[in-house]
């Protein structure tokens, strides 16, 4: 039996990156000298760039990207085949119209936006900017939902 109570120390982000750089150097040693230098240099620059960005900044960027993607997907739901979407769903959970489908997706995107704001991942100004950008990119969605 192993030591179940023993916890292993996880490497810090810096140690992890140093380990990756060492593995890259080993891999590069197996390549031709010219290619070795180019690959090692490009990867080292990329790893250093990522290491220079804080974890908070990475999480913030990912939250903004995911929220924008959710709104973009909601906008695309106007054009999907409703029968294909409903086919695998139980009768009581089927969408009755495209408007209902789009509303469901925009509500989900809005929940993501609110949650990110509550967690402090995005500011109120950023949330407003996201909504403004989506509204400018897809003005037909709001008008379309109002008519339906």
Protein backbone atom coordinates (compact mmCIF):
# COMPACT_ATOMS: atom_id res chain seq x y z
CA UNK A 1 0.00 0.00 0.00
CA UNK A 2 1.16 3.52 -0.76
CA UNK A 3 1.36 6.45 1.58
CA UNK A 4 -2.17 7.80 1.25
CA UNK A 5 -1.67 10.52 3.83
CA UNK A 6 1.42 11.91 2.19
CA UNK A 7 0.92 14.86 -0.12
CA UNK A 8 3.37 15.58 -2.88
CA UNK A 9 4.56 19.09 -3.51
CA UNK A 10 3.34 20.47 -6.81
CA UNK A 11 5.76 22.54 -8.87
CA UNK A 12 5.33 26.28 -8.92
CA UNK A 13 4.50 27.88 -12.28
CA UNK A 14 8.12 28.99 -12.62
CA UNK A 15 9.42 25.47 -11.94
CA UNK A 16 6.91 24.06 -14.42
CA UNK A 17 8.09 26.47 -17.13
CA UNK A 18 11.73 25.72 -16.37
CA UNK A 19 10.97 22.02 -16.69
CA UNK A 20 9.27 22.61 -20.05
CA UNK A 21 12.23 24.64 -21.26
CA UNK A 22 14.57 21.80 -20.28
CA UNK A 23 12.42 19.28 -22.18
CA UNK A 24 12.41 21.59 -25.19
CA UNK A 25 16.20 21.73 -25.12
CA UNK A 26 16.37 17.92 -25.01
CA UNK A 27 14.00 17.69 -27.97
CA UNK A 28 15.92 20.33 -29.85
CA UNK A 29 19.15 18.35 -29.39
CA UNK A 30 17.65 15.62 -31.58
CA UNK A 31 16.86 18.05 -34.40
CA UNK A 32 19.24 19.55 -36.95
CA UNK A 33 21.33 22.40 -35.51
CA UNK A 34 19.58 25.15 -37.51
CA UNK A 35 16.09 23.86 -36.78
CA UNK A 36 17.07 23.22 -33.17
CA UNK A 37 17.91 26.87 -32.60
CA UNK A 38 14.78 28.17 -34.32
CA UNK A 39 12.39 25.84 -32.48
CA UNK A 40 14.01 26.32 -29.08
CA UNK A 41 14.11 30.09 -29.44
CA UNK A 42 10.47 30.39 -30.57
CA UNK A 43 9.17 28.16 -27.80
CA UNK A 44 11.29 29.84 -25.15
CA UNK A 45 9.95 33.24 -26.16
CA UNK A 46 6.38 31.92 -26.05
CA UNK A 47 6.84 30.33 -22.62
CA UNK A 48 8.42 33.48 -21.24
CA UNK A 49 5.59 35.61 -22.62
CA UNK A 50 2.99 33.41 -20.94
CA UNK A 51 5.00 33.34 -17.71
CA UNK A 52 5.09 37.15 -17.69
CA UNK A 53 1.29 37.35 -17.73
CA UNK A 54 -0.35 37.01 -14.33
CA UNK A 55 -2.84 34.23 -13.60
CA UNK A 56 -5.52 36.87 -12.93
CA UNK A 57 -4.92 38.40 -16.34
CA UNK A 58 -5.17 34.99 -18.03
CA UNK A 59 -8.43 34.20 -16.22
CA UNK A 60 -9.83 37.64 -17.06
CA UNK A 61 -8.97 37.24 -20.75
CA UNK A 62 -10.50 33.77 -20.85
CA UNK A 63 -13.69 34.97 -19.11
CA UNK A 64 -14.13 37.80 -21.62
CA UNK A 65 -13.49 35.43 -24.54
CA UNK A 66 -15.96 32.82 -23.26
CA UNK A 67 -18.68 35.42 -22.65
CA UNK A 68 -18.23 36.91 -26.12
CA UNK A 69 -18.28 33.41 -27.63
CA UNK A 70 -21.51 32.59 -25.77
CA UNK A 71 -23.22 35.66 -27.24
CA UNK A 72 -21.87 34.84 -30.71
CA UNK A 73 -23.27 31.31 -30.44
CA UNK A 74 -26.63 32.71 -29.32
CA UNK A 75 -26.69 34.92 -32.42
CA UNK A 76 -25.95 31.91 -34.63
CA UNK A 77 -28.86 29.95 -33.16
CA UNK A 78 -31.23 31.96 -35.39
CA UNK A 79 -30.07 29.93 -38.36
CA UNK A 80 -29.92 26.37 -37.00
CA UNK A 81 -32.31 23.64 -38.01
CA UNK A 82 -34.82 23.59 -35.14
CA UNK A 83 -35.92 20.03 -35.91
CA UNK A 84 -32.33 18.79 -35.61
CA UNK A 85 -31.93 20.53 -32.27
CA UNK A 86 -35.21 19.12 -30.96
CA UNK A 87 -34.83 15.57 -32.27
CA UNK A 88 -32.78 14.18 -29.34
CA UNK A 89 -34.67 16.19 -26.72
CA UNK A 90 -37.66 14.87 -24.76
CA UNK A 91 -41.01 16.30 -25.91
CA UNK A 92 -41.43 18.50 -22.83
CA UNK A 93 -37.97 20.10 -23.36
CA UNK A 94 -38.26 20.87 -27.07
CA UNK A 95 -38.02 24.41 -28.36
CA UNK A 96 -41.25 25.65 -29.91
CA UNK A 97 -39.58 28.37 -31.97
CA UNK A 98 -36.23 29.80 -32.96
CA UNK A 99 -36.95 32.78 -30.72
CA UNK A 100 -37.21 30.46 -27.72
CA UNK A 101 -33.92 28.81 -28.66
CA UNK A 102 -32.15 32.17 -29.11
CA UNK A 103 -33.61 33.46 -25.82
CA UNK A 104 -32.32 30.37 -24.02
CA UNK A 105 -28.81 30.92 -25.36
CA UNK A 106 -28.82 34.68 -24.73
CA UNK A 107 -30.06 34.04 -21.19
CA UNK A 108 -27.17 31.61 -20.66
CA UNK A 109 -24.68 34.13 -22.02
CA UNK A 110 -26.19 36.79 -19.74
CA UNK A 111 -25.84 34.46 -16.76
CA UNK A 112 -22.18 33.96 -17.62
CA UNK A 113 -21.72 37.72 -17.85
CA UNK A 114 -23.40 38.29 -14.48
CA UNK A 115 -21.45 35.48 -12.82
CA UNK A 116 -18.12 36.82 -14.11
CA UNK A 117 -19.09 40.24 -12.76
CA UNK A 118 -20.05 38.82 -9.37
CA UNK A 119 -16.72 36.99 -9.15
CA UNK A 120 -14.87 40.18 -10.03
CA UNK A 121 -13.45 38.70 -13.22
CA UNK A 122 -14.77 41.61 -15.24
CA UNK A 123 -15.72 45.14 -14.30
CA UNK A 124 -19.11 46.75 -14.89
CA UNK A 125 -17.56 48.88 -17.64
CA UNK A 126 -16.23 45.76 -19.37
CA UNK A 127 -19.65 44.08 -19.12
CA UNK A 128 -21.27 47.13 -20.69
CA UNK A 129 -18.63 47.14 -23.44
CA UNK A 130 -19.26 43.45 -24.18
CA UNK A 131 -23.02 44.04 -24.44
CA UNK A 132 -22.48 47.12 -26.61
CA UNK A 133 -20.12 45.25 -28.94
CA UNK A 134 -22.51 42.31 -29.28
CA UNK A 135 -25.42 44.69 -29.89
CA UNK A 136 -23.46 46.46 -32.62
CA UNK A 137 -22.32 43.19 -34.19
CA UNK A 138 -25.82 41.63 -34.11
CA UNK A 139 -28.48 44.39 -33.96
CA UNK A 140 -30.99 42.09 -35.63
CA UNK A 141 -31.11 39.72 -32.65
CA UNK A 142 -32.77 42.13 -30.25
CA UNK A 143 -35.22 43.35 -32.90
CA UNK A 144 -35.94 39.76 -33.94
CA UNK A 145 -36.56 38.66 -30.34
CA UNK A 146 -38.91 41.60 -29.75
CA UNK A 147 -41.02 40.67 -32.78
CA UNK A 148 -41.27 36.99 -31.86
